[in-house]
């Protein structure tokens, strides 16, 4: 089985979902996508995660991101579970949950780790850009729920660094100072790109206010 790496094209697939058949690349269109897997339906941590995703629908939409979940249970179980999620998390799940009962997508994305579980998928997250390129991944065990502030932070960083010659430092969050790429040395370009100026802590470590603020 080939392990997906950063920079790889996210595999295309057609699979059933809670909102009908999904042809992944066509469904994604020109949006960013967060694809995230769940060990099973009717599990406590997954219920909170899907509820949190629904509650953050406005934040995802503001960033041009489509969330899509995956579980190895069939559509009828997904529909029943969505009722529980909506009731217990006080929200409305309006994004698709892939019904990967044949484990086709799980195999494509290497979501079953036999040393953790031979049947349940791990908690993986794939951040996929509009060109269908995998830009970042996170993987957690079944027992550890995801931090959705971190998911949004990663998206913010990817989108910011795509449009400006900067990187985001440790613990950065939207609005904080960023660092200028060491490859950018031309004084005229520095002045044009960073009119607010910058602080050279070291020649390779230059901080500047976030340029899209």
N, C-alpha and C. Protein backbone atom coordinates (compact mmCIF):
# COMPACT_ATOMS: atom_id res chain seq x y z
N UNK A 1 0.85 -1.20 0.00
CA UNK A 1 0.00 0.00 0.00
C UNK A 1 0.88 1.24 0.00
N UNK A 2 0.59 2.20 -0.87
CA UNK A 2 1.36 3.42 -0.95
C UNK A 2 0.90 4.41 0.11
N UNK A 3 1.85 4.95 0.85
CA UNK A 3 1.53 5.97 1.84
C UNK A 3 1.44 7.32 1.16
N UNK A 4 0.37 8.05 1.44
CA UNK A 4 0.21 9.38 0.87
C UNK A 4 1.12 10.36 1.60
N UNK A 5 1.78 11.20 0.81
CA UNK A 5 2.71 12.17 1.37
C UNK A 5 2.31 13.58 0.96
N UNK A 6 2.87 14.55 1.66
CA UNK A 6 2.59 15.94 1.32
C UNK A 6 3.03 16.21 -0.11
N UNK A 7 2.18 16.88 -0.85
CA UNK A 7 2.46 17.16 -2.25
C UNK A 7 1.86 16.17 -3.21
N UNK A 8 1.39 15.03 -2.70
CA UNK A 8 0.72 14.04 -3.55
C UNK A 8 -0.68 14.55 -3.92
N UNK A 9 -1.18 14.06 -5.04
CA UNK A 9 -2.56 14.33 -5.41
C UNK A 9 -3.49 13.46 -4.57
N UNK A 10 -4.50 14.06 -3.97
CA UNK A 10 -5.46 13.30 -3.18
C UNK A 10 -6.20 12.34 -4.11
N UNK A 11 -6.21 11.04 -3.81
CA UNK A 11 -6.86 10.07 -4.69
C UNK A 11 -8.34 10.39 -4.91
N UNK A 12 -8.77 10.26 -6.15
CA UNK A 12 -10.18 10.43 -6.47
C UNK A 12 -10.93 9.13 -6.16
N UNK A 13 -12.21 9.22 -5.96
CA UNK A 13 -13.03 8.03 -5.69
C UNK A 13 -14.49 8.40 -5.87
N UNK A 14 -15.32 7.39 -6.00
CA UNK A 14 -16.76 7.55 -5.93
C UNK A 14 -17.26 6.65 -4.81
N UNK A 15 -18.02 7.21 -3.89
CA UNK A 15 -18.48 6.44 -2.73
C UNK A 15 -19.83 6.99 -2.27
N UNK A 16 -20.63 6.12 -1.66
CA UNK A 16 -21.89 6.55 -1.07
C UNK A 16 -21.62 7.44 0.14
N UNK A 17 -22.59 8.29 0.45
CA UNK A 17 -22.47 9.15 1.62
C UNK A 17 -23.85 9.45 2.17
N UNK A 18 -23.87 10.12 3.29
CA UNK A 18 -25.13 10.52 3.91
C UNK A 18 -25.92 11.49 3.04
N UNK A 19 -25.25 12.11 2.07
CA UNK A 19 -25.93 13.04 1.16
C UNK A 19 -25.99 12.50 -0.26
N UNK A 20 -25.85 11.17 -0.42
CA UNK A 20 -25.88 10.56 -1.74
C UNK A 20 -24.49 10.26 -2.26
N UNK A 21 -24.38 9.74 -3.48
CA UNK A 21 -23.08 9.37 -4.03
C UNK A 21 -22.17 10.61 -4.17
N UNK A 22 -20.91 10.42 -3.81
CA UNK A 22 -19.91 11.49 -3.91
C UNK A 22 -18.83 11.05 -4.89
N UNK A 23 -18.64 11.84 -5.94
CA UNK A 23 -17.46 11.70 -6.80
C UNK A 23 -16.49 12.78 -6.33
N UNK A 24 -15.44 12.37 -5.65
CA UNK A 24 -14.70 13.26 -4.77
C UNK A 24 -14.15 14.50 -5.47
N UNK A 25 -13.39 14.35 -6.53
CA UNK A 25 -12.79 15.51 -7.18
C UNK A 25 -13.85 16.45 -7.73
N UNK A 26 -14.91 15.90 -8.30
CA UNK A 26 -16.00 16.74 -8.81
C UNK A 26 -16.71 17.46 -7.67
N UNK A 27 -16.93 16.76 -6.57
CA UNK A 27 -17.58 17.36 -5.40
C UNK A 27 -16.72 18.48 -4.82
N UNK A 28 -15.42 18.24 -4.74
CA UNK A 28 -14.51 19.25 -4.18
C UNK A 28 -14.48 20.51 -5.03
N UNK A 29 -14.56 20.33 -6.34
CA UNK A 29 -14.55 21.45 -7.29
C UNK A 29 -13.29 22.28 -7.05
N UNK A 30 -13.43 23.58 -6.85
CA UNK A 30 -12.24 24.41 -6.66
C UNK A 30 -12.10 24.89 -5.22
N UNK A 31 -12.66 24.13 -4.28
CA UNK A 31 -12.60 24.48 -2.86
C UNK A 31 -11.43 23.77 -2.18
N UNK A 32 -11.05 24.29 -1.04
CA UNK A 32 -10.22 23.52 -0.11
C UNK A 32 -11.10 22.44 0.52
N UNK A 33 -10.50 21.34 0.92
CA UNK A 33 -11.24 20.24 1.54
C UNK A 33 -10.50 19.78 2.80
N UNK A 34 -11.27 19.53 3.85
CA UNK A 34 -10.75 18.81 5.01
C UNK A 34 -11.47 17.47 5.06
N UNK A 35 -10.75 16.40 4.76
CA UNK A 35 -11.29 15.04 4.81
C UNK A 35 -10.80 14.40 6.10
N UNK A 36 -11.73 13.92 6.93
CA UNK A 36 -11.32 13.37 8.22
C UNK A 36 -12.08 12.08 8.52
N UNK A 37 -11.36 11.12 9.07
CA UNK A 37 -11.92 9.78 9.28
C UNK A 37 -12.29 9.55 10.74
N UNK A 38 -13.24 8.62 10.92
CA UNK A 38 -13.76 8.28 12.24
C UNK A 38 -13.78 6.77 12.40
N UNK A 39 -13.43 6.28 13.59
CA UNK A 39 -13.39 4.83 13.81
C UNK A 39 -14.71 4.12 13.57
N UNK A 40 -15.83 4.73 14.00
CA UNK A 40 -17.12 4.05 13.86
C UNK A 40 -18.25 5.01 14.21
N UNK A 41 -19.45 4.69 13.75
CA UNK A 41 -20.64 5.45 14.13
C UNK A 41 -21.02 5.14 15.58
N UNK A 42 -21.81 6.03 16.15
CA UNK A 42 -22.32 5.86 17.52
C UNK A 42 -21.20 5.67 18.53
N UNK A 43 -20.11 6.41 18.35
CA UNK A 43 -19.02 6.41 19.31
C UNK A 43 -18.93 7.81 19.91
N UNK A 44 -18.55 7.93 21.18
CA UNK A 44 -18.68 9.22 21.87
C UNK A 44 -17.79 10.32 21.33
N UNK A 45 -16.51 10.01 21.10
CA UNK A 45 -15.60 11.06 20.63
C UNK A 45 -16.00 11.55 19.24
N UNK A 46 -16.33 10.61 18.36
CA UNK A 46 -16.74 10.97 17.00
C UNK A 46 -17.98 11.84 17.01
N UNK A 47 -18.90 11.54 17.90
CA UNK A 47 -20.13 12.33 17.99
C UNK A 47 -19.81 13.78 18.30
N UNK A 48 -18.88 14.00 19.24
CA UNK A 48 -18.52 15.38 19.58
C UNK A 48 -17.78 16.05 18.42
N UNK A 49 -16.95 15.29 17.70
CA UNK A 49 -16.19 15.87 16.59
C UNK A 49 -17.09 16.29 15.44
N UNK A 50 -18.02 15.45 15.08
CA UNK A 50 -18.93 15.79 13.98
C UNK A 50 -19.84 16.95 14.38
N UNK A 51 -20.24 16.98 15.64
CA UNK A 51 -21.02 18.12 16.12
C UNK A 51 -20.21 19.41 16.06
N UNK A 52 -18.95 19.33 16.42
CA UNK A 52 -18.08 20.51 16.38
C UNK A 52 -17.88 20.98 14.94
N UNK A 53 -17.72 20.04 14.01
CA UNK A 53 -17.58 20.40 12.60
C UNK A 53 -18.81 21.15 12.11
N UNK A 54 -19.98 20.64 12.48
CA UNK A 54 -21.22 21.31 12.07
C UNK A 54 -21.33 22.70 12.70
N UNK A 55 -20.96 22.81 13.96
CA UNK A 55 -21.02 24.11 14.64
C UNK A 55 -20.09 25.14 14.00
N UNK A 56 -19.01 24.66 13.40
CA UNK A 56 -18.03 25.55 12.77
C UNK A 56 -18.28 25.73 11.27
N UNK A 57 -19.46 25.39 10.81
CA UNK A 57 -19.72 25.44 9.37
C UNK A 57 -19.45 26.83 8.80
N UNK A 58 -19.78 27.87 9.53
CA UNK A 58 -19.52 29.23 9.07
C UNK A 58 -18.04 29.53 8.95
N UNK A 59 -17.24 29.01 9.89
CA UNK A 59 -15.79 29.23 9.84
C UNK A 59 -15.17 28.51 8.65
N UNK A 60 -15.62 27.29 8.40
CA UNK A 60 -15.12 26.57 7.23
C UNK A 60 -15.51 27.29 5.94
N UNK A 61 -16.77 27.72 5.86
CA UNK A 61 -17.25 28.39 4.66
C UNK A 61 -16.50 29.69 4.41
N UNK A 62 -16.22 30.42 5.47
CA UNK A 62 -15.50 31.70 5.33
C UNK A 62 -14.12 31.50 4.73
N UNK A 63 -13.54 30.33 4.96
CA UNK A 63 -12.21 30.01 4.43
C UNK A 63 -12.28 29.27 3.09
N UNK A 64 -13.48 29.06 2.58
CA UNK A 64 -13.64 28.34 1.32
C UNK A 64 -13.31 26.87 1.45
N UNK A 65 -13.65 26.28 2.60
CA UNK A 65 -13.31 24.89 2.90
C UNK A 65 -14.57 24.04 2.97
N UNK A 66 -14.52 22.87 2.34
CA UNK A 66 -15.60 21.89 2.45
C UNK A 66 -15.14 20.75 3.36
N UNK A 67 -15.81 20.51 4.48
CA UNK A 67 -15.49 19.33 5.30
C UNK A 67 -16.22 18.10 4.78
N UNK A 68 -15.56 16.96 4.88
CA UNK A 68 -16.18 15.69 4.52
C UNK A 68 -15.62 14.62 5.45
N UNK A 69 -16.51 13.88 6.08
CA UNK A 69 -16.10 12.85 7.03
C UNK A 69 -16.20 11.47 6.39
N UNK A 70 -15.57 10.50 7.02
CA UNK A 70 -15.61 9.13 6.52
C UNK A 70 -15.68 8.17 7.70
N UNK A 71 -16.56 7.18 7.58
CA UNK A 71 -16.65 6.09 8.55
C UNK A 71 -16.97 4.82 7.77
N UNK A 72 -16.56 3.69 8.32
CA UNK A 72 -16.74 2.43 7.58
C UNK A 72 -18.13 1.83 7.76
N UNK A 73 -19.04 2.56 8.39
CA UNK A 73 -20.40 2.08 8.55
C UNK A 73 -21.26 2.48 7.34
N UNK A 74 -22.39 1.80 7.11
CA UNK A 74 -23.23 2.08 5.94
C UNK A 74 -24.11 3.31 6.13
N UNK A 75 -24.75 3.72 5.02
CA UNK A 75 -25.52 4.95 5.00
C UNK A 75 -26.65 4.95 6.03
N UNK A 76 -27.37 3.83 6.18
CA UNK A 76 -28.50 3.83 7.10
C UNK A 76 -28.06 4.10 8.54
N UNK A 77 -26.89 3.58 8.91
CA UNK A 77 -26.37 3.87 10.25
C UNK A 77 -25.96 5.33 10.37
N UNK A 78 -25.36 5.87 9.30
CA UNK A 78 -25.00 7.28 9.31
C UNK A 78 -26.22 8.15 9.56
N UNK A 79 -27.31 7.85 8.88
CA UNK A 79 -28.51 8.67 9.02
C UNK A 79 -29.04 8.63 10.45
N UNK A 80 -29.02 7.44 11.05
CA UNK A 80 -29.47 7.32 12.44
C UNK A 80 -28.53 8.09 13.37
N UNK A 81 -27.25 7.96 13.11
CA UNK A 81 -26.25 8.62 13.96
C UNK A 81 -26.36 10.14 13.87
N UNK A 82 -26.59 10.65 12.66
CA UNK A 82 -26.72 12.10 12.48
C UNK A 82 -27.84 12.65 13.36
N UNK A 83 -28.92 11.89 13.50
CA UNK A 83 -29.98 12.31 14.41
C UNK A 83 -29.48 12.46 15.83
N UNK A 84 -28.66 11.51 16.27
CA UNK A 84 -28.07 11.59 17.60
C UNK A 84 -27.13 12.78 17.73
N UNK A 85 -26.31 12.99 16.72
CA UNK A 85 -25.35 14.11 16.76
C UNK A 85 -26.10 15.42 16.88
N UNK A 86 -27.10 15.61 16.04
CA UNK A 86 -27.85 16.86 16.07
C UNK A 86 -28.52 17.07 17.43
N UNK A 87 -29.06 16.00 17.99
CA UNK A 87 -29.77 16.13 19.26
C UNK A 87 -28.82 16.39 20.43
N UNK A 88 -27.70 15.66 20.47
CA UNK A 88 -26.80 15.76 21.62
C UNK A 88 -25.85 16.95 21.53
N UNK A 89 -25.53 17.38 20.32
CA UNK A 89 -24.56 18.48 20.16
C UNK A 89 -25.23 19.80 19.79
N UNK A 90 -26.57 19.78 19.72
CA UNK A 90 -27.35 20.99 19.47
C UNK A 90 -26.90 21.69 18.19
N UNK A 91 -26.84 20.91 17.11
CA UNK A 91 -26.39 21.47 15.84
C UNK A 91 -27.08 20.73 14.70
N UNK A 92 -26.72 21.06 13.47
CA UNK A 92 -27.27 20.39 12.30
C UNK A 92 -26.13 19.96 11.39
N UNK A 93 -25.94 18.67 11.24
CA UNK A 93 -24.88 18.14 10.36
C UNK A 93 -25.34 18.33 8.92
N UNK A 94 -24.65 19.19 8.18
CA UNK A 94 -25.03 19.48 6.80
C UNK A 94 -23.91 19.17 5.80
N UNK A 95 -22.90 18.47 6.24
CA UNK A 95 -21.81 18.05 5.37
C UNK A 95 -21.88 16.54 5.18
N UNK A 96 -21.29 15.99 4.13
CA UNK A 96 -21.41 14.55 3.89
C UNK A 96 -20.52 13.70 4.79
N UNK A 97 -21.04 12.54 5.14
CA UNK A 97 -20.25 11.50 5.82
C UNK A 97 -20.19 10.31 4.87
N UNK A 98 -19.00 10.02 4.39
CA UNK A 98 -18.84 8.90 3.46
C UNK A 98 -19.16 7.59 4.15
N UNK A 99 -19.88 6.74 3.46
CA UNK A 99 -20.25 5.41 3.98
C UNK A 99 -19.31 4.39 3.34
N UNK A 100 -18.16 4.22 3.97
CA UNK A 100 -17.08 3.41 3.36
C UNK A 100 -17.15 1.96 3.84
N UNK A 101 -18.33 1.35 3.68
CA UNK A 101 -18.53 -0.01 4.19
C UNK A 101 -17.60 -1.01 3.51
N UNK A 102 -17.26 -0.77 2.23
CA UNK A 102 -16.34 -1.67 1.53
C UNK A 102 -14.88 -1.30 1.74
N UNK A 103 -14.65 -0.24 2.51
CA UNK A 103 -13.30 0.22 2.87
C UNK A 103 -12.46 0.65 1.66
N UNK A 104 -13.12 1.02 0.59
CA UNK A 104 -12.41 1.44 -0.62
C UNK A 104 -11.62 2.72 -0.36
N UNK A 105 -12.28 3.71 0.22
CA UNK A 105 -11.62 4.98 0.50
C UNK A 105 -10.59 4.82 1.62
N UNK A 106 -10.92 4.02 2.60
CA UNK A 106 -9.98 3.77 3.71
C UNK A 106 -8.68 3.18 3.19
N UNK A 107 -8.76 2.32 2.20
CA UNK A 107 -7.55 1.73 1.61
C UNK A 107 -6.78 2.78 0.82
N UNK A 108 -7.49 3.60 0.04
CA UNK A 108 -6.82 4.64 -0.75
C UNK A 108 -6.05 5.61 0.13
N UNK A 109 -6.62 5.93 1.28
CA UNK A 109 -6.03 6.93 2.16
C UNK A 109 -5.30 6.33 3.36
N UNK A 110 -5.12 5.00 3.36
CA UNK A 110 -4.34 4.30 4.40
C UNK A 110 -4.87 4.64 5.80
N UNK A 111 -6.17 4.46 5.98
CA UNK A 111 -6.80 4.86 7.23
C UNK A 111 -6.93 3.73 8.24
N UNK A 112 -6.68 2.50 7.83
CA UNK A 112 -6.73 1.39 8.78
C UNK A 112 -5.29 1.00 9.11
N UNK A 113 -4.94 1.16 10.37
CA UNK A 113 -3.60 0.85 10.86
C UNK A 113 -3.71 -0.42 11.71
N UNK A 114 -3.31 -1.57 11.17
CA UNK A 114 -3.58 -2.85 11.84
C UNK A 114 -3.03 -2.95 13.26
N UNK A 115 -1.94 -2.26 13.55
CA UNK A 115 -1.40 -2.33 14.90
C UNK A 115 -2.24 -1.54 15.91
N UNK A 116 -3.12 -0.68 15.39
CA UNK A 116 -4.06 0.02 16.26
C UNK A 116 -5.40 -0.68 16.29
N UNK A 117 -5.91 -1.04 15.09
CA UNK A 117 -7.16 -1.80 14.97
C UNK A 117 -7.21 -2.38 13.57
N UNK A 118 -7.65 -3.61 13.47
CA UNK A 118 -7.72 -4.27 12.17
C UNK A 118 -8.96 -3.88 11.38
N UNK A 119 -9.92 -3.24 12.05
CA UNK A 119 -11.19 -2.93 11.39
C UNK A 119 -11.55 -1.46 11.42
N UNK A 120 -11.22 -0.75 12.49
CA UNK A 120 -11.63 0.65 12.63
C UNK A 120 -10.57 1.58 12.05
N UNK A 121 -11.03 2.66 11.45
CA UNK A 121 -10.10 3.65 10.93
C UNK A 121 -9.56 4.53 12.06
N UNK A 122 -8.32 4.99 11.87
CA UNK A 122 -7.75 5.95 12.81
C UNK A 122 -8.34 7.33 12.54
N UNK A 123 -8.02 8.30 13.40
CA UNK A 123 -8.51 9.66 13.22
C UNK A 123 -7.49 10.45 12.39
N UNK A 124 -7.58 10.33 11.08
CA UNK A 124 -6.69 11.09 10.21
C UNK A 124 -7.41 12.30 9.63
N UNK A 125 -6.63 13.33 9.35
CA UNK A 125 -7.14 14.53 8.71
C UNK A 125 -6.25 14.82 7.50
N UNK A 126 -6.88 15.09 6.37
CA UNK A 126 -6.16 15.48 5.16
C UNK A 126 -6.62 16.88 4.76
N UNK A 127 -5.67 17.79 4.66
CA UNK A 127 -5.94 19.15 4.20
C UNK A 127 -5.59 19.17 2.71
N UNK A 128 -6.57 19.42 1.87
CA UNK A 128 -6.42 19.28 0.42
C UNK A 128 -6.76 20.62 -0.23
N UNK A 129 -5.86 21.11 -1.08
CA UNK A 129 -6.07 22.43 -1.68
C UNK A 129 -6.91 22.34 -2.95
N UNK A 130 -7.24 23.46 -3.57
CA UNK A 130 -8.11 23.43 -4.76
C UNK A 130 -7.51 22.69 -5.96
N UNK A 131 -6.20 22.49 -5.95
CA UNK A 131 -5.57 21.71 -7.02
C UNK A 131 -5.57 20.21 -6.70
N UNK A 132 -6.25 19.82 -5.63
CA UNK A 132 -6.37 18.43 -5.16
C UNK A 132 -5.05 17.90 -4.60
N UNK A 133 -4.19 18.82 -4.15
CA UNK A 133 -2.90 18.45 -3.57
C UNK A 133 -3.02 18.32 -2.06
N UNK A 134 -2.46 17.26 -1.50
CA UNK A 134 -2.44 17.09 -0.04
C UNK A 134 -1.39 18.03 0.53
N UNK A 135 -1.84 18.95 1.37
CA UNK A 135 -0.94 19.98 1.88
C UNK A 135 -0.51 19.73 3.31
N UNK A 136 -1.31 19.01 4.08
CA UNK A 136 -0.96 18.70 5.47
C UNK A 136 -1.79 17.49 5.90
N UNK A 137 -1.27 16.77 6.88
CA UNK A 137 -2.00 15.64 7.45
C UNK A 137 -1.80 15.61 8.96
N UNK A 138 -2.78 15.07 9.65
CA UNK A 138 -2.69 14.82 11.09
C UNK A 138 -3.31 13.45 11.34
N UNK A 139 -2.75 12.70 12.28
CA UNK A 139 -3.32 11.40 12.62
C UNK A 139 -3.30 11.21 14.13
N UNK A 140 -4.46 10.84 14.66
CA UNK A 140 -4.64 10.61 16.09
C UNK A 140 -5.15 9.19 16.30
N UNK A 141 -4.94 8.64 17.50
CA UNK A 141 -5.57 7.35 17.81
C UNK A 141 -7.06 7.53 18.07
N UNK A 142 -7.75 6.43 18.13
CA UNK A 142 -9.20 6.48 18.31
C UNK A 142 -9.61 7.17 19.61
N UNK A 143 -8.74 7.12 20.60
CA UNK A 143 -9.10 7.64 21.92
C UNK A 143 -8.94 9.15 22.06
N UNK A 144 -8.32 9.80 21.09
CA UNK A 144 -7.99 11.23 21.21
C UNK A 144 -8.76 12.05 20.20
N UNK A 145 -9.66 12.88 20.69
CA UNK A 145 -10.42 13.75 19.82
C UNK A 145 -9.57 14.89 19.28
N UNK A 146 -9.92 15.37 18.11
CA UNK A 146 -9.15 16.41 17.45
C UNK A 146 -9.42 17.80 18.04
N UNK A 147 -8.42 18.66 17.93
CA UNK A 147 -8.56 20.05 18.33
C UNK A 147 -8.95 20.86 17.09
N UNK A 148 -10.18 21.31 17.03
CA UNK A 148 -10.66 21.98 15.83
C UNK A 148 -10.10 23.38 15.67
N UNK A 149 -9.68 24.01 16.77
CA UNK A 149 -8.96 25.27 16.64
C UNK A 149 -7.67 25.05 15.86
N UNK A 150 -7.03 23.93 16.07
CA UNK A 150 -5.80 23.61 15.33
C UNK A 150 -6.09 23.35 13.86
N UNK A 151 -7.19 22.69 13.56
CA UNK A 151 -7.53 22.46 12.16
C UNK A 151 -7.72 23.80 11.43
N UNK A 152 -8.43 24.72 12.05
CA UNK A 152 -8.62 26.03 11.44
C UNK A 152 -7.31 26.80 11.35
N UNK A 153 -6.46 26.66 12.36
CA UNK A 153 -5.16 27.33 12.36
C UNK A 153 -4.29 26.85 11.20
N UNK A 154 -4.29 25.54 10.95
CA UNK A 154 -3.52 24.99 9.84
C UNK A 154 -4.03 25.53 8.50
N UNK A 155 -5.34 25.58 8.35
CA UNK A 155 -5.91 26.13 7.11
C UNK A 155 -5.50 27.60 6.94
N UNK A 156 -5.60 28.37 8.02
CA UNK A 156 -5.21 29.78 7.95
C UNK A 156 -3.75 29.92 7.54
N UNK A 157 -2.90 29.09 8.11
CA UNK A 157 -1.47 29.16 7.78
C UNK A 157 -1.22 28.79 6.32
N UNK A 158 -1.85 27.71 5.86
CA UNK A 158 -1.64 27.29 4.47
C UNK A 158 -2.11 28.36 3.49
N UNK A 159 -3.26 28.94 3.75
CA UNK A 159 -3.79 29.94 2.83
C UNK A 159 -2.97 31.22 2.87
N UNK A 160 -2.51 31.61 4.05
CA UNK A 160 -1.67 32.81 4.16
C UNK A 160 -0.33 32.61 3.46
N UNK A 161 0.32 31.49 3.71
CA UNK A 161 1.66 31.29 3.16
C UNK A 161 1.63 30.99 1.67
N UNK A 162 0.47 30.61 1.14
CA UNK A 162 0.33 30.46 -0.30
C UNK A 162 0.36 31.81 -1.01
N UNK A 163 -0.13 32.83 -0.34
CA UNK A 163 -0.30 34.13 -0.99
C UNK A 163 0.76 35.16 -0.61
N UNK A 164 1.60 34.85 0.35
CA UNK A 164 2.65 35.77 0.79
C UNK A 164 3.93 34.97 1.07
N UNK A 165 5.07 35.61 0.92
CA UNK A 165 6.35 34.92 1.12
C UNK A 165 6.73 34.93 2.60
N UNK A 166 5.89 34.24 3.37
CA UNK A 166 6.09 34.16 4.81
C UNK A 166 5.85 32.72 5.27
N UNK A 167 6.26 32.47 6.50
CA UNK A 167 5.94 31.22 7.19
C UNK A 167 5.37 31.60 8.56
N UNK A 168 4.68 30.65 9.19
CA UNK A 168 4.08 30.95 10.48
C UNK A 168 4.87 30.25 11.59
N UNK A 169 5.25 30.99 12.63
CA UNK A 169 6.10 30.44 13.69
C UNK A 169 5.32 29.57 14.68
N UNK A 170 6.03 29.06 15.66
CA UNK A 170 5.43 28.23 16.69
C UNK A 170 4.28 28.96 17.37
N UNK A 171 3.18 28.22 17.56
CA UNK A 171 2.00 28.72 18.27
C UNK A 171 1.31 29.89 17.56
N UNK A 172 1.66 30.16 16.30
CA UNK A 172 1.03 31.24 15.56
C UNK A 172 -0.47 31.01 15.44
N UNK A 173 -1.19 32.10 15.50
CA UNK A 173 -2.62 32.07 15.15
C UNK A 173 -2.92 33.32 14.36
N UNK A 174 -4.03 33.28 13.64
CA UNK A 174 -4.39 34.35 12.73
C UNK A 174 -4.34 35.71 13.42
N UNK A 175 -3.56 36.64 12.85
CA UNK A 175 -3.39 37.97 13.43
C UNK A 175 -2.04 38.19 14.07
N UNK A 176 -1.33 37.10 14.39
CA UNK A 176 -0.01 37.22 15.00
C UNK A 176 1.04 37.57 13.95
N UNK A 177 2.21 38.02 14.42
CA UNK A 177 3.34 38.25 13.52
C UNK A 177 3.76 36.96 12.85
N UNK A 178 4.35 37.11 11.67
CA UNK A 178 4.84 35.96 10.91
C UNK A 178 6.33 36.17 10.64
N UNK A 179 6.96 35.18 10.00
CA UNK A 179 8.38 35.31 9.66
C UNK A 179 8.53 35.35 8.14
N UNK A 180 9.47 36.15 7.69
CA UNK A 180 9.74 36.29 6.26
C UNK A 180 10.62 35.13 5.80
N UNK A 181 10.33 34.59 4.63
CA UNK A 181 11.12 33.48 4.10
C UNK A 181 12.58 33.91 3.92
N UNK A 182 13.55 33.10 4.35
CA UNK A 182 14.96 33.46 4.19
C UNK A 182 15.37 33.69 2.74
N UNK A 183 14.66 33.07 1.80
CA UNK A 183 15.01 33.22 0.38
C UNK A 183 14.74 34.62 -0.15
N UNK A 184 13.93 35.39 0.56
CA UNK A 184 13.59 36.74 0.11
C UNK A 184 14.62 37.72 0.69
N UNK A 185 15.49 38.25 -0.17
CA UNK A 185 16.58 39.12 0.27
C UNK A 185 16.60 40.48 -0.42
N UNK A 186 15.93 40.61 -1.54
CA UNK A 186 15.98 41.86 -2.30
C UNK A 186 15.32 42.99 -1.51
N UNK A 187 16.08 44.07 -1.19
CA UNK A 187 15.51 45.16 -0.36
C UNK A 187 14.26 45.79 -0.96
N UNK A 188 14.25 45.96 -2.28
CA UNK A 188 13.08 46.59 -2.90
C UNK A 188 11.85 45.71 -2.77
N UNK A 189 12.03 44.41 -2.95
CA UNK A 189 10.89 43.49 -2.82
C UNK A 189 10.44 43.42 -1.37
N UNK A 190 11.38 43.42 -0.44
CA UNK A 190 11.02 43.41 0.98
C UNK A 190 10.17 44.63 1.33
N UNK A 191 10.59 45.80 0.84
CA UNK A 191 9.84 47.03 1.13
C UNK A 191 8.45 47.00 0.51
N UNK A 192 8.36 46.44 -0.71
CA UNK A 192 7.06 46.39 -1.38
C UNK A 192 6.13 45.39 -0.72
N UNK A 193 6.67 44.24 -0.32
CA UNK A 193 5.83 43.19 0.25
C UNK A 193 5.46 43.46 1.70
N UNK A 194 6.32 44.15 2.41
CA UNK A 194 6.11 44.33 3.85
C UNK A 194 6.22 45.81 4.21
N UNK A 195 5.26 46.62 3.78
CA UNK A 195 5.33 48.07 4.02
C UNK A 195 5.29 48.45 5.50
N UNK A 196 4.84 47.54 6.35
CA UNK A 196 4.84 47.82 7.80
C UNK A 196 6.21 47.60 8.41
N UNK A 197 7.16 47.13 7.59
CA UNK A 197 8.50 46.89 8.09
C UNK A 197 8.66 45.53 8.72
N UNK A 198 9.86 45.27 9.20
CA UNK A 198 10.14 43.99 9.84
C UNK A 198 11.26 44.16 10.84
N UNK A 199 11.37 43.17 11.73
CA UNK A 199 12.44 43.15 12.74
C UNK A 199 13.36 41.99 12.44
N UNK A 200 14.65 42.28 12.24
CA UNK A 200 15.64 41.23 11.96
C UNK A 200 16.25 40.77 13.28
N UNK A 201 15.68 39.72 13.85
CA UNK A 201 16.23 39.15 15.08
C UNK A 201 17.57 38.49 14.78
N UNK A 202 17.64 37.82 13.67
CA UNK A 202 18.85 37.28 13.07
C UNK A 202 18.68 37.45 11.56
N UNK A 203 19.77 37.36 10.78
CA UNK A 203 19.60 37.51 9.33
C UNK A 203 18.58 36.54 8.74
N UNK A 204 18.45 35.36 9.34
CA UNK A 204 17.53 34.35 8.84
C UNK A 204 16.19 34.37 9.57
N UNK A 205 16.07 35.19 10.61
CA UNK A 205 14.85 35.24 11.43
C UNK A 205 14.34 36.68 11.46
N UNK A 206 13.38 36.95 10.57
CA UNK A 206 12.84 38.30 10.44
C UNK A 206 11.34 38.25 10.65
N UNK A 207 10.86 38.98 11.63
CA UNK A 207 9.43 38.96 11.94
C UNK A 207 8.76 40.21 11.37
N UNK A 208 7.50 40.04 10.98
CA UNK A 208 6.74 41.15 10.40
C UNK A 208 5.27 40.97 10.73
N UNK A 209 4.51 42.06 10.81
CA UNK A 209 3.06 41.90 11.01
C UNK A 209 2.44 41.08 9.86
N UNK A 210 1.41 40.36 10.21
CA UNK A 210 0.76 39.53 9.19
C UNK A 210 0.35 40.41 8.01
N UNK A 211 0.83 40.09 6.79
CA UNK A 211 0.68 41.02 5.67
C UNK A 211 -0.74 41.18 5.13
N UNK A 212 -1.64 40.27 5.42
CA UNK A 212 -3.01 40.43 4.90
C UNK A 212 -3.94 41.02 5.94
N UNK A 213 -3.37 41.65 6.93
CA UNK A 213 -4.17 42.29 7.98
C UNK A 213 -4.08 43.81 7.85
